[in-house]
């Protein structure tokens, strides 16, 4: 998704987001809320903002920043939940 956003291919990035990233965050949300509710809430907020930005046609720069934060949170969640990278 990063490469697609870098090249400002918002349609391609949206496809990756809604078929992979979005679903993954829903899959781990319930598990994450137990050990770190604040992280789960932030991750949901970031993903929700990305949904809104894609729907609203926001530019790639806003989405790149959100994608970076989502990636950081997902890595932290992965470590917290004992998943390997």
Protein backbone atom coordinates (compact mmCIF):
# COMPACT_ATOMS: atom_id res chain seq x y z
CA UNK A 1 0.00 0.00 0.00
CA UNK A 2 2.89 2.35 0.77
CA UNK A 3 4.23 2.10 -2.77
CA UNK A 4 0.79 2.75 -4.19
CA UNK A 5 0.34 5.82 -2.00
CA UNK A 6 3.84 7.00 -2.88
CA UNK A 7 2.88 6.92 -6.56
CA UNK A 8 -0.50 8.49 -5.66
CA UNK A 9 -2.43 5.47 -6.92
CA UNK A 10 -5.37 5.98 -4.57
CA UNK A 11 -7.55 3.37 -6.28
CA UNK A 12 -4.88 0.70 -5.89
CA UNK A 13 -4.15 1.72 -2.31
CA UNK A 14 -7.85 1.66 -1.50
CA UNK A 15 -8.11 -1.86 -2.89
CA UNK A 16 -5.25 -3.07 -0.70
CA UNK A 17 -6.61 -1.23 2.33
CA UNK A 18 -10.13 -2.62 2.12
CA UNK A 19 -9.09 -6.17 1.14
CA UNK A 20 -6.18 -6.64 3.56
CA UNK A 21 -5.40 -3.95 6.13
CA UNK A 22 -8.98 -3.16 7.12
CA UNK A 23 -9.91 -6.82 7.63
CA UNK A 24 -6.77 -7.57 9.64
CA UNK A 25 -7.48 -4.80 12.12
CA UNK A 26 -10.99 -6.14 12.68
CA UNK A 27 -9.55 -9.63 13.21
CA UNK A 28 -7.18 -8.52 15.99
CA UNK A 29 -9.34 -5.86 17.64
CA UNK A 30 -11.06 -8.09 20.20
CA UNK A 31 -7.79 -9.74 21.21
CA UNK A 32 -6.05 -6.39 21.58
CA UNK A 33 -8.76 -4.74 23.69
CA UNK A 34 -8.01 -7.00 26.66
CA UNK A 35 -4.30 -6.28 27.09
CA UNK A 36 -4.22 -2.71 25.73
CA UNK A 37 -7.55 -0.97 25.27
CA UNK A 38 -5.92 2.41 24.52
CA UNK A 39 -3.92 0.93 21.64
CA UNK A 40 -7.01 -0.82 20.29
CA UNK A 41 -8.96 2.43 20.37
CA UNK A 42 -6.20 4.35 18.61
CA UNK A 43 -5.87 1.70 15.94
CA UNK A 44 -9.64 1.79 15.35
CA UNK A 45 -9.54 5.58 15.14
CA UNK A 46 -6.69 5.55 12.61
CA UNK A 47 -8.39 2.91 10.48
CA UNK A 48 -11.69 4.79 10.68
CA UNK A 49 -9.98 7.97 9.54
CA UNK A 50 -8.39 6.10 6.64
CA UNK A 51 -11.83 4.80 5.64
CA UNK A 52 -13.18 8.35 5.71
CA UNK A 53 -10.20 9.74 3.79
CA UNK A 54 -10.49 7.12 1.04
CA UNK A 55 -14.24 7.75 0.79
CA UNK A 56 -13.74 11.52 0.76
CA UNK A 57 -11.01 11.45 -1.85
CA UNK A 58 -8.30 12.85 0.42
CA UNK A 59 -4.81 13.12 -0.97
CA UNK A 60 -2.05 10.58 -0.66
CA UNK A 61 -0.02 12.58 1.88
CA UNK A 62 -2.72 12.36 4.56
CA UNK A 63 -3.21 8.67 3.88
CA UNK A 64 0.55 7.99 3.98
CA UNK A 65 0.79 9.49 7.45
CA UNK A 66 -2.19 7.46 8.67
CA UNK A 67 -0.85 4.28 7.06
CA UNK A 68 2.47 4.81 8.82
CA UNK A 69 0.78 5.16 12.20
CA UNK A 70 -1.44 2.13 11.53
CA UNK A 71 1.66 0.09 10.65
CA UNK A 72 3.37 1.14 13.91
CA UNK A 73 0.32 0.23 15.96
CA UNK A 74 -0.10 -3.11 14.21
CA UNK A 75 3.54 -3.98 14.88
CA UNK A 76 3.12 -3.09 18.54
CA UNK A 77 -0.08 -5.13 18.71
CA UNK A 78 1.62 -8.06 17.00
CA UNK A 79 4.40 -8.05 19.57
CA UNK A 80 1.96 -7.64 22.45
CA UNK A 81 -0.21 -10.52 21.25
CA UNK A 82 2.76 -12.79 20.53
CA UNK A 83 2.47 -12.88 16.75
CA UNK A 84 5.64 -13.01 14.72
CA UNK A 85 6.33 -10.34 12.08
